[in-house]
N, C-alpha and C. Protein backbone atom coordinates (compact mmCIF):
# COMPACT_ATOMS: atom_id res chain seq x y z
N MET A 1 -20.77 -29.68 8.08
CA MET A 1 -19.87 -30.29 9.03
C MET A 1 -19.71 -29.34 10.20
N GLY A 2 -20.80 -29.11 10.93
CA GLY A 2 -20.76 -28.19 12.06
C GLY A 2 -19.95 -28.75 13.22
N LYS A 3 -20.16 -29.99 13.54
CA LYS A 3 -19.43 -30.63 14.65
C LYS A 3 -18.37 -31.57 14.06
N PHE A 4 -17.44 -31.96 14.92
CA PHE A 4 -16.39 -32.89 14.50
C PHE A 4 -17.00 -34.29 14.33
N ASP A 5 -16.81 -34.84 13.17
CA ASP A 5 -17.35 -36.16 12.87
C ASP A 5 -16.30 -37.20 13.24
N SER A 6 -16.59 -38.05 14.22
CA SER A 6 -15.59 -39.01 14.68
C SER A 6 -15.38 -40.15 13.70
N GLN A 7 -16.26 -40.30 12.72
CA GLN A 7 -16.10 -41.39 11.77
C GLN A 7 -15.15 -41.04 10.64
N LEU A 8 -14.75 -39.78 10.52
CA LEU A 8 -13.77 -39.39 9.50
C LEU A 8 -12.40 -39.74 10.02
N ARG A 9 -11.86 -40.86 9.58
CA ARG A 9 -10.61 -41.37 10.12
C ARG A 9 -9.40 -40.64 9.56
N PHE A 10 -9.55 -39.95 8.42
CA PHE A 10 -8.39 -39.27 7.85
C PHE A 10 -8.04 -38.02 8.65
N LEU A 11 -8.94 -37.57 9.51
CA LEU A 11 -8.64 -36.45 10.40
C LEU A 11 -8.06 -36.99 11.70
N LYS A 12 -6.78 -36.85 11.86
CA LYS A 12 -6.14 -37.33 13.09
C LYS A 12 -6.16 -36.26 14.18
N TYR A 13 -6.36 -35.02 13.75
CA TYR A 13 -6.34 -33.90 14.68
C TYR A 13 -7.74 -33.63 15.17
N LYS A 14 -7.92 -33.59 16.48
CA LYS A 14 -9.21 -33.23 17.04
C LYS A 14 -9.19 -31.75 17.38
N PRO A 15 -10.13 -30.99 16.85
CA PRO A 15 -10.12 -29.55 17.14
C PRO A 15 -10.50 -29.29 18.59
N PRO A 16 -10.09 -28.14 19.13
CA PRO A 16 -10.43 -27.82 20.51
C PRO A 16 -11.95 -27.64 20.66
N LYS A 17 -12.41 -27.78 21.88
CA LYS A 17 -13.84 -27.72 22.15
C LYS A 17 -14.39 -26.31 21.96
N SER A 18 -13.61 -25.29 22.32
CA SER A 18 -14.11 -23.92 22.21
C SER A 18 -13.29 -23.15 21.19
N GLY A 19 -13.84 -22.06 20.70
CA GLY A 19 -13.14 -21.20 19.75
C GLY A 19 -13.58 -21.46 18.33
N PRO A 20 -13.30 -20.53 17.45
CA PRO A 20 -13.71 -20.67 16.05
C PRO A 20 -12.88 -21.72 15.31
N ARG A 21 -13.53 -22.48 14.45
CA ARG A 21 -12.86 -23.48 13.64
C ARG A 21 -13.03 -23.11 12.18
N VAL A 22 -11.96 -23.23 11.41
CA VAL A 22 -12.00 -22.87 10.01
C VAL A 22 -11.48 -24.03 9.21
N ILE A 23 -12.18 -24.40 8.14
CA ILE A 23 -11.72 -25.45 7.25
C ILE A 23 -10.89 -24.78 6.15
N ILE A 24 -9.64 -25.18 6.02
CA ILE A 24 -8.77 -24.60 4.98
C ILE A 24 -9.17 -25.16 3.63
N ALA A 25 -9.27 -26.44 3.51
CA ALA A 25 -9.65 -27.11 2.27
C ALA A 25 -10.28 -28.44 2.63
N PRO A 26 -11.06 -29.05 1.75
CA PRO A 26 -11.63 -30.34 2.09
C PRO A 26 -10.55 -31.39 2.35
N ASN A 27 -10.82 -32.29 3.26
CA ASN A 27 -9.91 -33.37 3.64
C ASN A 27 -8.66 -32.89 4.33
N TYR A 28 -8.68 -31.70 4.86
CA TYR A 28 -7.57 -31.20 5.66
C TYR A 28 -8.04 -31.03 7.09
N ARG A 29 -7.08 -30.92 7.97
CA ARG A 29 -7.46 -30.79 9.37
C ARG A 29 -8.02 -29.42 9.69
N LEU A 30 -8.76 -29.34 10.74
CA LEU A 30 -9.36 -28.09 11.19
C LEU A 30 -8.32 -27.31 11.98
N ASN A 31 -8.26 -26.01 11.72
CA ASN A 31 -7.29 -25.18 12.39
C ASN A 31 -7.99 -24.08 13.19
N GLN A 32 -7.36 -23.68 14.26
CA GLN A 32 -7.85 -22.57 15.04
C GLN A 32 -6.79 -21.47 14.99
N PHE A 33 -7.23 -20.28 14.66
CA PHE A 33 -6.32 -19.15 14.52
C PHE A 33 -6.46 -18.25 15.74
N GLN A 34 -5.32 -17.82 16.26
CA GLN A 34 -5.33 -16.96 17.42
C GLN A 34 -4.20 -15.95 17.28
N LEU A 35 -4.50 -14.70 17.51
CA LEU A 35 -3.50 -13.64 17.43
C LEU A 35 -2.79 -13.52 18.76
N ARG A 36 -1.47 -13.67 18.71
CA ARG A 36 -0.66 -13.51 19.90
C ARG A 36 0.35 -12.40 19.68
N GLN A 37 0.43 -11.46 20.59
CA GLN A 37 1.37 -10.36 20.46
C GLN A 37 2.69 -10.75 21.10
N ALA A 38 3.77 -10.56 20.35
CA ALA A 38 5.09 -10.86 20.88
C ALA A 38 5.51 -9.77 21.86
N LEU A 39 5.22 -8.52 21.52
CA LEU A 39 5.52 -7.36 22.37
C LEU A 39 4.25 -6.55 22.53
N PRO A 40 4.14 -5.82 23.61
CA PRO A 40 2.98 -4.93 23.72
C PRO A 40 3.05 -3.82 22.69
N ALA A 41 1.90 -3.36 22.24
CA ALA A 41 1.84 -2.34 21.20
C ALA A 41 2.21 -0.99 21.80
N ARG A 42 3.30 -0.42 21.32
CA ARG A 42 3.78 0.90 21.76
C ARG A 42 4.27 1.67 20.57
N LEU A 43 4.25 2.97 20.69
CA LEU A 43 4.76 3.84 19.64
C LEU A 43 6.24 4.11 19.85
N ARG A 44 6.95 4.30 18.75
CA ARG A 44 8.38 4.63 18.82
C ARG A 44 8.59 6.09 18.46
N ASP A 45 9.77 6.60 18.79
CA ASP A 45 10.08 8.00 18.54
C ASP A 45 10.81 8.20 17.21
N TYR A 46 10.62 7.29 16.26
CA TYR A 46 11.24 7.45 14.95
C TYR A 46 10.40 6.72 13.91
N VAL A 47 10.64 7.07 12.67
CA VAL A 47 9.96 6.44 11.53
C VAL A 47 11.04 5.90 10.61
N ARG A 48 10.85 4.68 10.13
CA ARG A 48 11.85 4.08 9.24
C ARG A 48 11.61 4.46 7.81
N GLY A 49 12.69 4.54 7.06
CA GLY A 49 12.68 4.68 5.61
C GLY A 49 11.70 5.69 5.05
N GLY A 50 11.94 6.12 3.86
CA GLY A 50 11.04 7.08 3.25
C GLY A 50 10.54 6.61 1.92
N GLY A 51 11.30 5.79 1.24
CA GLY A 51 10.88 5.38 -0.10
C GLY A 51 11.15 6.50 -1.10
N THR A 52 10.63 6.37 -2.28
CA THR A 52 10.83 7.38 -3.30
C THR A 52 9.53 8.09 -3.57
N SER A 53 9.62 9.36 -3.82
CA SER A 53 8.41 10.13 -4.11
C SER A 53 8.16 10.14 -5.61
N ALA A 54 6.98 10.57 -5.98
CA ALA A 54 6.61 10.58 -7.41
C ALA A 54 7.40 11.64 -8.17
N SER A 55 7.88 12.68 -7.49
CA SER A 55 8.59 13.74 -8.16
C SER A 55 9.96 13.28 -8.69
N GLU A 56 10.48 12.18 -8.13
CA GLU A 56 11.76 11.66 -8.59
C GLU A 56 11.67 10.97 -9.94
N TYR A 57 10.46 10.69 -10.40
CA TYR A 57 10.27 10.00 -11.66
C TYR A 57 9.80 10.96 -12.76
N THR A 58 10.09 12.26 -12.62
CA THR A 58 9.61 13.22 -13.61
C THR A 58 10.29 13.06 -14.95
N CYS A 59 11.52 12.59 -14.98
CA CYS A 59 12.26 12.44 -16.23
C CYS A 59 12.20 11.02 -16.77
N GLY A 60 11.36 10.19 -16.22
CA GLY A 60 11.24 8.81 -16.67
C GLY A 60 10.79 8.65 -18.11
N PRO A 61 9.75 9.35 -18.56
CA PRO A 61 9.34 9.22 -19.96
C PRO A 61 10.43 9.68 -20.93
N LEU A 62 11.13 10.75 -20.60
CA LEU A 62 12.22 11.22 -21.48
C LEU A 62 13.35 10.21 -21.53
N MET A 63 13.63 9.56 -20.41
CA MET A 63 14.67 8.53 -20.40
C MET A 63 14.25 7.35 -21.26
N ASN A 64 12.95 7.00 -21.21
CA ASN A 64 12.46 5.90 -22.02
C ASN A 64 12.58 6.22 -23.52
N ILE A 65 12.24 7.45 -23.89
CA ILE A 65 12.37 7.89 -25.30
C ILE A 65 13.82 7.86 -25.74
N MET A 66 14.71 8.34 -24.87
CA MET A 66 16.13 8.37 -25.19
C MET A 66 16.68 6.95 -25.37
N LEU A 67 16.36 6.05 -24.45
CA LEU A 67 16.88 4.68 -24.56
C LEU A 67 16.31 3.94 -25.77
N THR A 68 15.05 4.20 -26.09
CA THR A 68 14.46 3.61 -27.29
C THR A 68 15.18 4.07 -28.55
N CYS A 69 15.45 5.37 -28.60
CA CYS A 69 16.16 5.91 -29.76
C CYS A 69 17.59 5.35 -29.84
N LEU A 70 18.27 5.26 -28.72
CA LEU A 70 19.62 4.73 -28.72
C LEU A 70 19.65 3.27 -29.14
N GLN A 71 18.67 2.50 -28.70
CA GLN A 71 18.60 1.09 -29.08
C GLN A 71 18.30 0.96 -30.58
N LYS A 72 17.46 1.85 -31.07
CA LYS A 72 17.08 1.80 -32.48
C LYS A 72 18.28 2.11 -33.38
N HIS A 73 19.12 3.04 -32.94
CA HIS A 73 20.27 3.47 -33.73
C HIS A 73 21.57 2.82 -33.26
N GLU A 74 21.46 1.69 -32.59
CA GLU A 74 22.62 0.91 -32.12
C GLU A 74 23.54 1.75 -31.24
N TYR A 75 22.95 2.48 -30.32
CA TYR A 75 23.64 3.25 -29.29
C TYR A 75 24.61 4.28 -29.89
N ASP A 76 24.15 4.97 -30.91
CA ASP A 76 24.93 6.05 -31.51
C ASP A 76 24.41 7.37 -30.93
N ASN A 77 25.27 8.09 -30.21
CA ASN A 77 24.85 9.34 -29.57
C ASN A 77 24.51 10.42 -30.57
N PHE A 78 25.18 10.44 -31.70
CA PHE A 78 24.97 11.53 -32.66
C PHE A 78 23.61 11.41 -33.36
N ALA A 79 23.10 10.20 -33.51
CA ALA A 79 21.80 10.03 -34.14
C ALA A 79 20.66 10.46 -33.21
N CYS A 80 20.87 10.36 -31.90
CA CYS A 80 19.83 10.70 -30.91
C CYS A 80 20.23 11.90 -30.07
N GLU A 81 20.86 12.88 -30.71
CA GLU A 81 21.40 14.02 -29.97
C GLU A 81 20.28 14.84 -29.30
N LYS A 82 19.16 15.01 -29.98
CA LYS A 82 18.06 15.81 -29.42
C LYS A 82 17.45 15.14 -28.18
N GLU A 83 17.22 13.82 -28.24
CA GLU A 83 16.64 13.10 -27.12
C GLU A 83 17.56 13.09 -25.89
N VAL A 84 18.86 12.93 -26.15
CA VAL A 84 19.83 12.93 -25.05
C VAL A 84 19.88 14.31 -24.40
N ALA A 85 19.86 15.36 -25.22
CA ALA A 85 19.89 16.73 -24.69
C ALA A 85 18.64 17.03 -23.88
N ASP A 86 17.47 16.57 -24.36
CA ASP A 86 16.22 16.80 -23.62
C ASP A 86 16.24 16.09 -22.26
N PHE A 87 16.76 14.86 -22.24
CA PHE A 87 16.81 14.10 -21.00
C PHE A 87 17.75 14.77 -19.99
N TYR A 88 18.94 15.18 -20.42
CA TYR A 88 19.87 15.81 -19.50
C TYR A 88 19.39 17.18 -19.04
N ALA A 89 18.64 17.90 -19.88
CA ALA A 89 18.06 19.16 -19.46
C ALA A 89 17.02 18.93 -18.37
N CYS A 90 16.22 17.87 -18.52
CA CYS A 90 15.23 17.54 -17.49
C CYS A 90 15.90 17.16 -16.18
N VAL A 91 16.97 16.37 -16.26
CA VAL A 91 17.68 15.96 -15.04
C VAL A 91 18.29 17.16 -14.33
N ASN A 92 18.90 18.07 -15.08
CA ASN A 92 19.50 19.25 -14.49
C ASN A 92 18.45 20.14 -13.84
N GLU A 93 17.31 20.31 -14.51
CA GLU A 93 16.24 21.13 -13.97
C GLU A 93 15.69 20.50 -12.66
N PHE A 94 15.53 19.19 -12.66
CA PHE A 94 15.05 18.51 -11.45
C PHE A 94 16.03 18.67 -10.30
N GLN A 95 17.33 18.53 -10.58
CA GLN A 95 18.33 18.66 -9.52
C GLN A 95 18.36 20.07 -8.95
N GLU A 96 18.22 21.06 -9.81
CA GLU A 96 18.22 22.46 -9.32
C GLU A 96 17.01 22.71 -8.43
N THR A 97 15.82 22.33 -8.89
CA THR A 97 14.63 22.57 -8.07
C THR A 97 14.67 21.75 -6.79
N ASN A 98 15.22 20.55 -6.85
CA ASN A 98 15.29 19.70 -5.67
C ASN A 98 16.24 20.29 -4.62
N THR A 99 17.40 20.80 -5.03
CA THR A 99 18.33 21.41 -4.09
C THR A 99 17.75 22.68 -3.49
N ILE A 100 17.01 23.46 -4.27
CA ILE A 100 16.39 24.68 -3.75
C ILE A 100 15.33 24.33 -2.70
N GLU A 101 14.48 23.32 -3.00
CA GLU A 101 13.45 22.92 -2.04
C GLU A 101 14.06 22.38 -0.75
N LYS A 102 15.13 21.57 -0.86
CA LYS A 102 15.76 21.03 0.34
C LYS A 102 16.42 22.13 1.16
N ALA A 103 17.03 23.10 0.46
CA ALA A 103 17.65 24.21 1.19
C ALA A 103 16.58 25.04 1.92
N ASN A 104 15.44 25.22 1.30
CA ASN A 104 14.36 25.96 1.96
C ASN A 104 13.82 25.20 3.17
N LEU A 105 13.74 23.86 3.05
CA LEU A 105 13.18 23.08 4.14
C LEU A 105 14.16 22.93 5.29
N LYS A 106 15.42 22.59 4.98
CA LYS A 106 16.38 22.31 6.04
C LYS A 106 17.06 23.56 6.55
N GLY A 107 16.94 24.65 5.81
CA GLY A 107 17.53 25.90 6.29
C GLY A 107 16.80 26.35 7.54
N GLY A 108 17.35 27.29 8.23
CA GLY A 108 16.78 27.73 9.50
C GLY A 108 15.48 28.48 9.36
N GLY A 109 14.66 28.12 8.45
CA GLY A 109 13.39 28.79 8.24
C GLY A 109 12.36 28.42 9.31
N ASP A 110 11.15 28.89 9.09
CA ASP A 110 10.08 28.67 10.04
C ASP A 110 9.62 27.20 9.96
N ASP A 111 9.54 26.54 11.12
CA ASP A 111 9.15 25.13 11.15
C ASP A 111 7.69 24.94 10.73
N ASP A 112 6.85 25.93 10.99
CA ASP A 112 5.44 25.81 10.61
C ASP A 112 5.28 25.78 9.10
N LYS A 113 6.14 26.50 8.38
CA LYS A 113 6.06 26.47 6.92
C LYS A 113 6.43 25.09 6.39
N VAL A 114 7.41 24.46 7.03
CA VAL A 114 7.83 23.13 6.60
C VAL A 114 6.68 22.14 6.76
N VAL A 115 6.01 22.20 7.91
CA VAL A 115 4.91 21.27 8.16
C VAL A 115 3.74 21.55 7.22
N LYS A 116 3.44 22.82 6.97
CA LYS A 116 2.32 23.18 6.10
C LYS A 116 2.58 22.79 4.66
N GLN A 117 3.85 22.83 4.25
CA GLN A 117 4.16 22.47 2.87
C GLN A 117 3.88 21.00 2.60
N PHE A 118 4.08 20.13 3.60
CA PHE A 118 3.84 18.70 3.45
C PHE A 118 2.46 18.28 3.93
N ALA A 119 1.60 19.25 4.26
CA ALA A 119 0.27 18.88 4.78
C ALA A 119 -0.55 18.17 3.72
N ARG A 120 -0.41 18.56 2.46
CA ARG A 120 -1.19 17.97 1.39
C ARG A 120 -0.53 16.69 0.87
N ASN A 121 0.77 16.64 0.86
CA ASN A 121 1.50 15.52 0.27
C ASN A 121 1.99 14.57 1.36
N ARG A 122 2.65 13.51 0.92
CA ARG A 122 3.22 12.56 1.86
C ARG A 122 4.42 13.19 2.54
N GLN A 123 4.50 12.99 3.83
CA GLN A 123 5.55 13.60 4.64
C GLN A 123 6.82 12.74 4.57
N PRO A 124 8.01 13.36 4.35
CA PRO A 124 9.23 12.56 4.32
C PRO A 124 9.59 12.04 5.72
N ALA A 125 10.37 10.98 5.76
CA ALA A 125 10.71 10.33 7.03
C ALA A 125 11.53 11.25 7.93
N TRP A 126 12.44 12.04 7.35
CA TRP A 126 13.29 12.91 8.18
C TRP A 126 12.44 13.97 8.89
N LEU A 127 11.39 14.46 8.23
CA LEU A 127 10.54 15.47 8.88
C LEU A 127 9.71 14.84 9.97
N SER A 128 9.22 13.63 9.75
CA SER A 128 8.47 12.93 10.80
C SER A 128 9.36 12.67 12.00
N ASN A 129 10.61 12.27 11.78
CA ASN A 129 11.54 12.05 12.89
C ASN A 129 11.83 13.33 13.64
N LYS A 130 11.96 14.42 12.90
CA LYS A 130 12.21 15.72 13.53
C LYS A 130 11.05 16.12 14.44
N LEU A 131 9.82 15.92 13.95
CA LEU A 131 8.65 16.25 14.75
C LEU A 131 8.49 15.32 15.94
N LEU A 132 8.82 14.04 15.76
CA LEU A 132 8.71 13.11 16.87
C LEU A 132 9.76 13.36 17.95
N LYS A 133 10.93 13.91 17.56
CA LYS A 133 11.94 14.25 18.56
C LYS A 133 11.52 15.49 19.35
N THR A 134 10.88 16.45 18.67
CA THR A 134 10.47 17.64 19.40
C THR A 134 9.24 17.38 20.27
N TYR A 135 8.36 16.50 19.82
CA TYR A 135 7.17 16.16 20.58
C TYR A 135 7.11 14.64 20.81
N PRO A 136 7.91 14.09 21.75
CA PRO A 136 7.95 12.64 21.92
C PRO A 136 6.65 12.11 22.52
N THR A 137 6.36 10.83 22.24
CA THR A 137 5.19 10.19 22.82
C THR A 137 5.50 9.74 24.24
N SER A 138 4.49 9.63 25.06
CA SER A 138 4.70 9.28 26.46
C SER A 138 5.06 7.80 26.63
N SER A 139 4.57 6.95 25.75
CA SER A 139 4.81 5.50 25.88
C SER A 139 5.82 5.02 24.83
N SER A 140 6.98 5.67 24.79
CA SER A 140 7.96 5.29 23.76
C SER A 140 8.72 4.05 24.18
N VAL A 141 9.14 3.27 23.18
CA VAL A 141 9.92 2.06 23.43
C VAL A 141 11.37 2.48 23.61
N GLU A 142 11.99 2.01 24.64
CA GLU A 142 13.38 2.39 24.92
C GLU A 142 14.34 1.39 24.37
């Protein structure tokens, strides 16, 4: 069906003469797709959201073990004392290391060290915003 067949009466829509035509499914009308930009493409001086990093899920398996044990023993803390203690130890260790890392990053240390530390990993949104404020783009959206 290279050209529009005028004998197909179930097609009430006549496709335009020029441009690509795509058939979505048999017995459906022909559609033409065209990309239209609402705004011109420009860079902004900020980055939205950061999401969660993989390091925040370090205690996930221990939490799963603890909850399984608690469910098995009808939520009795004394029967699952070891699992609960292991989970809380993991959480405390993560919070300590996390506060130390954030203090090192946000403290008045060398900015090059901060950038180099995230060179291998995903960069957090606050660091990207900090760099974009110090080095703004010329075509920023106001």
